[in-house]
């Protein structure tokens, strides 16, 4: 086996597709029976749409139920402010597509299954590394029938922010902290509701709303570690501020009958100082956990996968161990966009989110003419749409 990947999220699935497409023998492990998990990131930015286009999958992707967002709005107590406008972005795609992540992953893995060198193992959870001296030579996993091993020249950890394989490799991420956690929930949407996805802020409170056509996917942002204190006060401590922030939801907020109707995301920002060991590589959330700010997590994971395939597909196809120098080169390439994106997220957390949700001061006033500044508009547009150092598919199809 040339490559085995633990984790069927965006990073692992995309890397498996790219390697299989290039003729590399690859096995992808996913610990769940399917990809159907609610409240996962599902903002597909123009950088990822471009990758899908380069793979010939854009047309099929756009047949999936989705909603296009050409910008982002901030709603304050004084009214709405258009923060970003993606129209005019270079390339074919000037919008963010909101698509359930399970549909995206099914599309990617279905495309990979067309290649004879691809194998997908569902309900297969990676439990540890196979080692020869200091080098990883594959992984151990567990499925319904018991314990198994897969030997490979390269073992990739794409198993998320709580990565089992990362820990087995002795890699510990550097934590940068986050001032908030997020309570996700959903409510029905009616025709008279606002149309645009938004961020709503008011002193002491903050909420994100994503238009899903027939329902709203909503995120109520709370201070870090504050869920137990909120729950002790009863469900009205959650419903009342939500109804004040979004009065037009007042007739539906009662459908949240208990905290069983919400799902908590523990927010973290971290990254590894070293992404690799001999025969081992971490990518996506296993290498760098991102805040949900700007919804860029999926897109950074996909960019990691594209860069990995571009650099490693040929040597994996040739057989033999992957030189550490190549793994180091990959980390250097992807470390810059990771650091820059996390730095921007941390500034937003410190300057906007933390003081707002802790009620320390009123939300910062943003000049209403700021979005019309061409320099500001251009920088925000490129950062949100394309990110830092967007990757393009360089691996040939075999």
Protein backbone atom coordinates (compact mmCIF):
# COMPACT_ATOMS: atom_id res chain seq x y z
CA UNK A 1 0.00 0.00 0.00
CA UNK A 2 1.37 3.41 -0.97
CA UNK A 3 -0.80 5.57 1.29
CA UNK A 4 -3.38 5.07 4.03
CA UNK A 5 -5.47 8.01 5.29
CA UNK A 6 -7.36 8.11 8.58
CA UNK A 7 -10.40 10.38 8.50
CA UNK A 8 -13.02 10.83 5.80
CA UNK A 9 -13.51 14.57 6.26
CA UNK A 10 -12.71 17.19 3.61
CA UNK A 11 -8.91 16.85 3.91
CA UNK A 12 -8.81 13.05 3.88
CA UNK A 13 -11.47 12.56 1.20
CA UNK A 14 -9.96 15.12 -1.16
CA UNK A 15 -6.43 13.75 -0.73
CA UNK A 16 -7.65 10.21 -1.39
CA UNK A 17 -9.41 11.32 -4.57
CA UNK A 18 -6.38 13.19 -5.87
CA UNK A 19 -4.00 10.31 -5.18
CA UNK A 20 -6.31 7.68 -6.69
CA UNK A 21 -6.83 9.91 -9.72
CA UNK A 22 -3.03 10.02 -10.12
CA UNK A 23 -2.81 6.23 -10.01
CA UNK A 24 -1.58 5.93 -6.40
CA UNK A 25 -2.84 3.01 -4.32
CA UNK A 26 -4.70 4.60 -1.39
CA UNK A 27 -7.03 3.45 1.39
CA UNK A 28 -9.32 5.90 3.21
CA UNK A 29 -10.72 5.02 6.65
CA UNK A 30 -13.84 6.64 8.09
CA UNK A 31 -14.92 5.64 11.58
CA UNK A 32 -18.63 6.32 11.08
CA UNK A 33 -21.11 4.32 9.03
CA UNK A 34 -21.93 7.35 6.87
CA UNK A 35 -21.06 11.03 6.47
CA UNK A 36 -24.36 12.26 7.91
CA UNK A 37 -23.46 14.48 10.84
CA UNK A 38 -25.34 17.70 11.57
CA UNK A 39 -23.78 21.12 12.21
CA UNK A 40 -20.51 20.43 10.43
CA UNK A 41 -18.78 23.11 8.40
CA UNK A 42 -20.30 23.40 4.95
CA UNK A 43 -19.16 26.70 3.46
CA UNK A 44 -17.55 25.93 0.10
CA UNK A 45 -15.54 29.01 -0.86
CA UNK A 46 -14.40 30.01 -4.36
CA UNK A 47 -10.95 28.47 -3.79
CA UNK A 48 -12.57 25.04 -3.29
CA UNK A 49 -15.03 25.58 -6.14
CA UNK A 50 -12.01 26.21 -8.37
CA UNK A 51 -10.44 22.92 -7.24
CA UNK A 52 -13.69 21.09 -8.03
CA UNK A 53 -13.71 22.77 -11.44
CA UNK A 54 -10.15 21.61 -12.12
CA UNK A 55 -11.23 18.07 -11.25
CA UNK A 56 -14.23 18.23 -13.56
CA UNK A 57 -16.63 18.01 -10.61
CA UNK A 58 -17.99 21.57 -10.45
CA UNK A 59 -21.03 20.88 -12.64
CA UNK A 60 -21.97 17.83 -10.58
CA UNK A 61 -21.39 19.75 -7.35
CA UNK A 62 -23.68 22.58 -8.43
CA UNK A 63 -26.47 20.07 -9.01
CA UNK A 64 -26.52 19.43 -5.26
CA UNK A 65 -29.05 21.45 -3.23
CA UNK A 66 -27.13 24.57 -2.30
CA UNK A 67 -27.44 28.28 -1.69
CA UNK A 68 -25.11 30.90 -3.09
CA UNK A 69 -23.94 33.80 -0.93
CA UNK A 70 -22.21 36.69 -2.70
CA UNK A 71 -21.31 38.51 0.49
CA UNK A 72 -21.62 38.67 4.26
CA UNK A 73 -23.65 41.05 6.42
CA UNK A 74 -23.17 42.26 9.97
CA UNK A 75 -26.38 43.27 11.75
CA UNK A 76 -25.94 45.64 14.68
CA UNK A 77 -28.50 47.38 16.87
CA UNK A 78 -28.15 50.33 14.46
CA UNK A 79 -28.88 48.28 11.36
CA UNK A 80 -27.11 46.10 8.78
CA UNK A 81 -23.63 46.63 7.36
CA UNK A 82 -22.39 44.77 4.29
CA UNK A 83 -18.99 43.48 5.38
CA UNK A 84 -17.89 41.65 2.26
CA UNK A 85 -18.84 41.50 -1.39
CA UNK A 86 -17.36 38.66 -3.42
CA UNK A 87 -18.60 39.92 -6.77
CA UNK A 88 -15.63 40.85 -8.90
CA UNK A 89 -13.38 38.15 -7.47
CA UNK A 90 -10.94 36.82 -10.12
CA UNK A 91 -11.92 33.50 -11.67
CA UNK A 92 -15.20 31.77 -12.47
CA UNK A 93 -16.62 31.73 -8.94
CA UNK A 94 -17.55 34.82 -6.97
CA UNK A 95 -19.76 33.30 -4.29
CA UNK A 96 -19.74 30.93 -1.33
CA UNK A 97 -21.85 27.80 -1.76
CA UNK A 98 -23.58 26.48 1.34
CA UNK A 99 -23.87 22.71 0.93
CA UNK A 100 -24.35 20.09 3.67
CA UNK A 101 -20.94 18.57 4.30
CA UNK A 102 -22.24 15.02 3.90
CA UNK A 103 -23.29 15.82 0.30
CA UNK A 104 -19.84 17.27 -0.41
CA UNK A 105 -18.05 14.23 1.03
CA UNK A 106 -20.30 11.80 -0.81
CA UNK A 107 -19.52 13.60 -4.06
CA UNK A 108 -15.75 13.39 -3.44
CA UNK A 109 -15.68 9.75 -2.35
CA UNK A 110 -18.02 8.69 -5.18
CA UNK A 111 -15.64 10.31 -7.66
CA UNK A 112 -12.70 8.49 -6.02
CA UNK A 113 -14.46 5.13 -6.27
CA UNK A 114 -14.24 5.33 -10.06
CA UNK A 115 -10.51 4.66 -9.79
CA UNK A 116 -9.29 1.09 -9.18
CA UNK A 117 -6.51 2.20 -6.80
CA UNK A 118 -8.98 3.65 -4.26
CA UNK A 119 -10.47 1.75 -1.32
CA UNK A 120 -12.92 3.18 1.24
CA UNK A 121 -13.38 1.47 4.60
CA UNK A 122 -16.40 2.75 6.55
CA UNK A 123 -16.93 2.05 10.26
CA UNK A 124 -13.17 1.67 10.52
CA UNK A 125 -11.49 3.68 13.27
CA UNK A 126 -7.74 4.20 13.34
CA UNK A 127 -6.37 3.21 16.76
CA UNK A 128 -2.60 3.51 16.42
CA UNK A 129 0.51 3.49 14.24
CA UNK A 130 2.63 0.60 13.03
CA UNK A 131 6.24 1.54 13.73
CA UNK A 132 9.61 0.38 12.53
CA UNK A 133 12.13 2.25 14.64
CA UNK A 134 11.29 5.97 14.38
CA UNK A 135 9.26 5.54 11.19
CA UNK A 136 5.52 4.98 10.73
CA UNK A 137 4.79 2.08 8.40
CA UNK A 138 1.01 2.09 8.46
CA UNK A 139 -1.77 2.01 11.01
CA UNK A 140 -3.95 -0.22 13.15
CA UNK A 141 -7.70 0.07 12.98
CA UNK A 142 -10.84 -1.42 14.44
CA UNK A 143 -14.05 -2.35 12.63
CA UNK A 144 -17.03 -4.60 13.38
CA UNK A 145 -14.98 -7.73 12.79
CA UNK A 146 -12.11 -6.79 15.11
CA UNK A 147 -8.58 -5.37 14.96
CA UNK A 148 -6.61 -5.03 11.70
CA UNK A 149 -3.45 -3.51 10.24
CA UNK A 150 -2.66 -1.69 7.01
CA UNK A 151 0.97 -1.20 6.07
CA UNK A 152 1.81 1.81 3.92
CA UNK A 153 4.72 3.96 2.82
CA UNK A 154 2.85 7.07 4.03
CA UNK A 155 0.27 7.29 6.81
CA UNK A 156 -1.80 10.46 6.82
CA UNK A 157 -3.69 11.73 9.88
CA UNK A 158 -6.77 13.58 8.68
CA UNK A 159 -8.79 12.45 11.69
CA UNK A 160 -9.70 15.85 13.07
CA UNK A 161 -8.77 18.08 15.97
CA UNK A 162 -8.80 15.16 18.42
CA UNK A 163 -6.55 13.10 16.16
CA UNK A 164 -5.67 9.66 17.53
CA UNK A 165 -2.82 9.22 15.06
CA UNK A 166 -1.34 12.62 15.82
CA UNK A 167 -1.11 11.65 19.47
CA UNK A 168 0.36 8.26 18.54
CA UNK A 169 3.06 10.06 16.55
CA UNK A 170 3.93 12.13 19.64
CA UNK A 171 2.86 15.42 18.06
CA UNK A 172 1.21 17.95 20.37
CA UNK A 173 -0.43 21.12 18.99
CA UNK A 174 0.33 24.59 20.29
CA UNK A 175 -2.89 26.05 21.72
CA UNK A 176 -3.82 29.69 21.14
CA UNK A 177 -7.12 29.72 22.98
CA UNK A 178 -10.57 30.93 22.01
CA UNK A 179 -12.95 33.09 24.05
CA UNK A 180 -16.11 31.35 22.91
CA UNK A 181 -18.01 28.16 22.30
CA UNK A 182 -20.93 27.78 19.91
CA UNK A 183 -24.43 26.37 20.37
CA UNK A 184 -25.82 25.20 17.02
CA UNK A 185 -29.55 24.73 16.47
CA UNK A 186 -32.11 24.96 13.71
CA UNK A 187 -35.54 26.52 13.27
CA UNK A 188 -37.99 26.58 10.34
CA UNK A 189 -37.68 29.43 7.85
CA UNK A 190 -40.70 31.27 6.45
CA UNK A 191 -41.00 33.43 3.33
CA UNK A 192 -41.10 36.71 5.24
CA UNK A 193 -37.75 36.06 6.96
CA UNK A 194 -34.58 37.88 5.86
CA UNK A 195 -32.83 36.33 2.89
CA UNK A 196 -29.15 36.77 3.62
CA UNK A 197 -26.78 34.80 5.84
CA UNK A 198 -25.69 37.14 8.64
CA UNK A 199 -23.81 37.82 11.87
CA UNK A 200 -25.99 39.54 14.49
CA UNK A 201 -24.27 41.31 17.38
CA UNK A 202 -25.50 43.25 20.38
CA UNK A 203 -23.93 43.98 23.75
CA UNK A 204 -23.50 40.65 25.52
CA UNK A 205 -24.84 38.54 22.65
CA UNK A 206 -23.89 37.27 19.21
CA UNK A 207 -25.57 34.95 16.74
CA UNK A 208 -24.90 33.62 13.23
CA UNK A 209 -27.74 32.71 10.87
CA UNK A 210 -27.31 30.57 7.74
CA UNK A 211 -30.22 30.48 5.30
CA UNK A 212 -30.98 26.84 4.39
CA UNK A 213 -34.03 27.76 2.30
CA UNK A 214 -36.53 25.72 4.36
CA UNK A 215 -34.83 26.26 7.73
CA UNK A 216 -32.27 28.41 9.54
CA UNK A 217 -29.06 26.94 10.83
CA UNK A 218 -28.26 29.18 13.79
CA UNK A 219 -25.28 29.55 16.06
CA UNK A 220 -25.56 31.26 19.43
CA UNK A 221 -22.08 32.24 20.63
CA UNK A 222 -21.38 31.92 24.35
CA UNK A 223 -18.32 32.64 26.52
CA UNK A 224 -15.81 29.80 26.66
CA UNK A 225 -16.90 27.15 29.17
CA UNK A 226 -20.21 28.92 29.77
CA UNK A 227 -22.57 26.15 28.71
CA UNK A 228 -23.06 24.62 32.16
CA UNK A 229 -23.82 28.03 33.71
CA UNK A 230 -26.31 28.75 30.94
CA UNK A 231 -27.99 25.34 31.28
CA UNK A 232 -28.37 25.78 35.05
CA UNK A 233 -30.54 28.83 34.40
CA UNK A 234 -32.98 26.85 32.26
CA UNK A 235 -33.87 26.92 28.59
CA UNK A 236 -35.40 30.40 28.77
CA UNK A 237 -31.91 31.80 29.47
CA UNK A 238 -31.11 30.69 25.93
CA UNK A 239 -34.42 31.37 24.20
CA UNK A 240 -35.02 34.90 25.51
CA UNK A 241 -31.79 36.53 24.26
CA UNK A 242 -32.13 34.66 20.95
CA UNK A 243 -35.62 36.10 20.50
CA UNK A 244 -34.38 39.61 21.38
CA UNK A 245 -31.58 39.37 18.83
CA UNK A 246 -33.90 38.09 16.09
CA UNK A 247 -37.47 39.23 16.88
CA UNK A 248 -38.81 37.69 13.66
CA UNK A 249 -37.97 34.26 15.13
CA UNK A 250 -40.13 34.89 18.20
CA UNK A 251 -42.99 32.72 16.97
CA UNK A 252 -40.64 29.74 16.50
CA UNK A 253 -38.08 29.97 19.29
CA UNK A 254 -40.42 27.97 21.54
CA UNK A 255 -39.67 24.92 19.39
CA UNK A 256 -36.37 24.72 21.28
CA UNK A 257 -37.80 22.90 24.28
CA UNK A 258 -34.55 21.87 26.02
CA UNK A 259 -30.80 21.90 25.62
CA UNK A 260 -31.15 18.52 23.93
CA UNK A 261 -32.25 20.54 20.89
CA UNK A 262 -28.88 22.28 20.57
CA UNK A 263 -25.42 20.96 19.76
CA UNK A 264 -22.33 22.51 21.37
CA UNK A 265 -19.11 23.06 19.45
CA UNK A 266 -16.04 23.60 21.60
CA UNK A 267 -14.02 26.18 19.71
CA UNK A 268 -10.24 25.88 19.54
CA UNK A 269 -7.40 27.41 17.58
CA UNK A 270 -4.19 25.42 17.51
CA UNK A 271 -1.51 24.11 15.18
CA UNK A 272 1.37 21.72 15.19
CA UNK A 273 4.93 23.01 15.24
CA UNK A 274 5.87 19.92 13.23
CA UNK A 275 3.38 18.23 10.93
CA UNK A 276 5.32 15.08 10.14
CA UNK A 277 7.48 12.19 11.24
CA UNK A 278 9.22 9.65 9.00
CA UNK A 279 6.42 7.98 7.06
CA UNK A 280 3.73 10.10 8.76
CA UNK A 281 1.92 13.38 7.95
CA UNK A 282 -0.90 15.35 9.59
CA UNK A 283 -3.16 17.65 7.53
CA UNK A 284 -6.41 19.54 8.00
CA UNK A 285 -7.74 19.87 11.54
CA UNK A 286 -5.25 17.26 12.73
CA UNK A 287 -2.50 19.77 11.88
CA UNK A 288 -4.36 23.00 12.66
CA UNK A 289 -7.75 23.46 14.31
CA UNK A 290 -9.49 26.59 13.05
CA UNK A 291 -12.09 28.81 14.65
CA UNK A 292 -15.46 28.84 12.83
CA UNK A 293 -14.78 32.53 12.12
CA UNK A 294 -15.18 33.20 8.36
CA UNK A 295 -16.10 29.54 7.73
CA UNK A 296 -12.71 28.75 6.18
CA UNK A 297 -11.96 25.40 7.87
CA UNK A 298 -13.12 23.16 5.01
CA UNK A 299 -11.28 25.24 2.47
CA UNK A 300 -7.95 25.19 4.30
CA UNK A 301 -8.31 21.42 4.66
CA UNK A 302 -8.95 21.04 0.94
CA UNK A 303 -5.97 23.26 0.13
CA UNK A 304 -3.78 21.07 2.37
CA UNK A 305 -4.94 18.02 0.43
CA UNK A 306 -4.25 19.58 -2.96
CA UNK A 307 -0.76 20.69 -1.93
CA UNK A 308 -0.02 17.23 -0.49
CA UNK A 309 -1.07 15.45 -3.68
CA UNK A 310 0.82 17.90 -5.87
CA UNK A 311 4.04 17.24 -3.98
CA UNK A 312 3.75 13.57 -3.02
CA UNK A 313 1.71 11.80 -5.72
CA UNK A 314 4.72 11.16 -7.98
CA UNK A 315 7.06 9.78 -5.30
CA UNK A 316 4.21 7.69 -3.84
CA UNK A 317 3.51 6.29 -7.28
CA UNK A 318 7.18 5.44 -7.71
CA UNK A 319 7.23 3.43 -4.48
CA UNK A 320 9.58 3.54 -1.54
CA UNK A 321 9.68 5.75 1.56
CA UNK A 322 8.83 9.46 1.26
CA UNK A 323 11.87 11.64 2.06
CA UNK A 324 11.40 13.81 5.14
CA UNK A 325 12.65 16.75 3.10
CA UNK A 326 9.46 16.55 1.01
CA UNK A 327 7.25 16.46 4.12
CA UNK A 328 9.13 19.47 5.49
CA UNK A 329 8.65 21.28 2.20
CA UNK A 330 4.92 20.60 2.33
CA UNK A 331 4.65 21.93 5.88
CA UNK A 332 6.51 25.10 4.93
CA UNK A 333 4.14 25.68 2.02
CA UNK A 334 0.96 25.23 4.06
CA UNK A 335 2.18 26.80 7.29
CA UNK A 336 2.03 30.36 5.97
CA UNK A 337 -1.69 30.33 5.05
CA UNK A 338 -2.45 28.57 8.32
CA UNK A 339 -0.62 31.15 10.41
CA UNK A 340 -2.06 34.15 8.58
CA UNK A 341 -5.63 32.84 8.72
CA UNK A 342 -5.38 31.99 12.41
CA UNK A 343 -3.86 35.41 13.13
CA UNK A 344 -6.84 37.12 11.50
CA UNK A 345 -9.24 34.87 13.41
CA UNK A 346 -7.52 35.69 16.70
CA UNK A 347 -7.74 39.42 16.03
CA UNK A 348 -11.46 39.08 15.30
CA UNK A 349 -11.91 37.05 18.50
CA UNK A 350 -10.02 39.56 20.65
CA UNK A 351 -11.42 42.76 19.14
CA UNK A 352 -15.00 41.78 18.36
CA UNK A 353 -16.21 38.49 19.83
CA UNK A 354 -14.70 38.50 23.31
CA UNK A 355 -15.75 42.03 24.37
CA UNK A 356 -19.19 41.58 22.81
CA UNK A 357 -20.23 38.26 24.36
CA UNK A 358 -18.73 39.12 27.74
CA UNK A 359 -20.65 42.41 27.82
CA UNK A 360 -17.46 44.34 28.55
CA UNK A 361 -18.37 47.05 26.09
CA UNK A 362 -20.69 47.75 23.22
CA UNK A 363 -19.76 46.10 19.93
CA UNK A 364 -17.21 48.20 18.03
CA UNK A 365 -18.82 50.67 15.68
CA UNK A 366 -17.87 49.93 12.09
CA UNK A 367 -18.00 52.91 9.72
CA UNK A 368 -20.86 52.34 7.31
CA UNK A 369 -18.77 53.58 4.39
CA UNK A 370 -15.91 51.15 5.16
CA UNK A 371 -17.19 48.43 2.78
CA UNK A 372 -17.08 51.01 -0.03
CA UNK A 373 -13.34 51.54 0.45
CA UNK A 374 -11.84 49.76 -2.61
CA UNK A 375 -8.66 48.70 -0.78
CA UNK A 376 -10.60 47.23 2.15
CA UNK A 377 -13.10 45.60 -0.20
CA UNK A 378 -10.37 44.02 -2.31
CA UNK A 379 -8.44 42.61 0.66
CA UNK A 380 -11.55 41.20 2.35
CA UNK A 381 -12.82 39.76 -0.94
CA UNK A 382 -9.59 37.90 -1.68
CA UNK A 383 -9.09 36.71 1.91
CA UNK A 384 -12.63 35.40 2.26
CA UNK A 385 -12.93 33.99 -1.25
CA UNK A 386 -9.49 32.66 -2.11
CA UNK A 387 -7.59 32.67 1.16
CA UNK A 388 -3.82 32.87 1.45
CA UNK A 389 -1.90 30.95 -1.23
CA UNK A 390 -4.73 29.06 -2.97
CA UNK A 391 -3.65 25.71 -4.43
CA UNK A 392 -4.40 24.32 -7.88
CA UNK A 393 -4.56 20.71 -9.01
CA UNK A 394 -1.25 19.79 -10.66
CA UNK A 395 -1.52 16.00 -10.49
CA UNK A 396 -2.37 14.32 -13.81
CA UNK A 397 -5.27 11.92 -14.16
CA UNK A 398 -4.12 8.39 -14.93
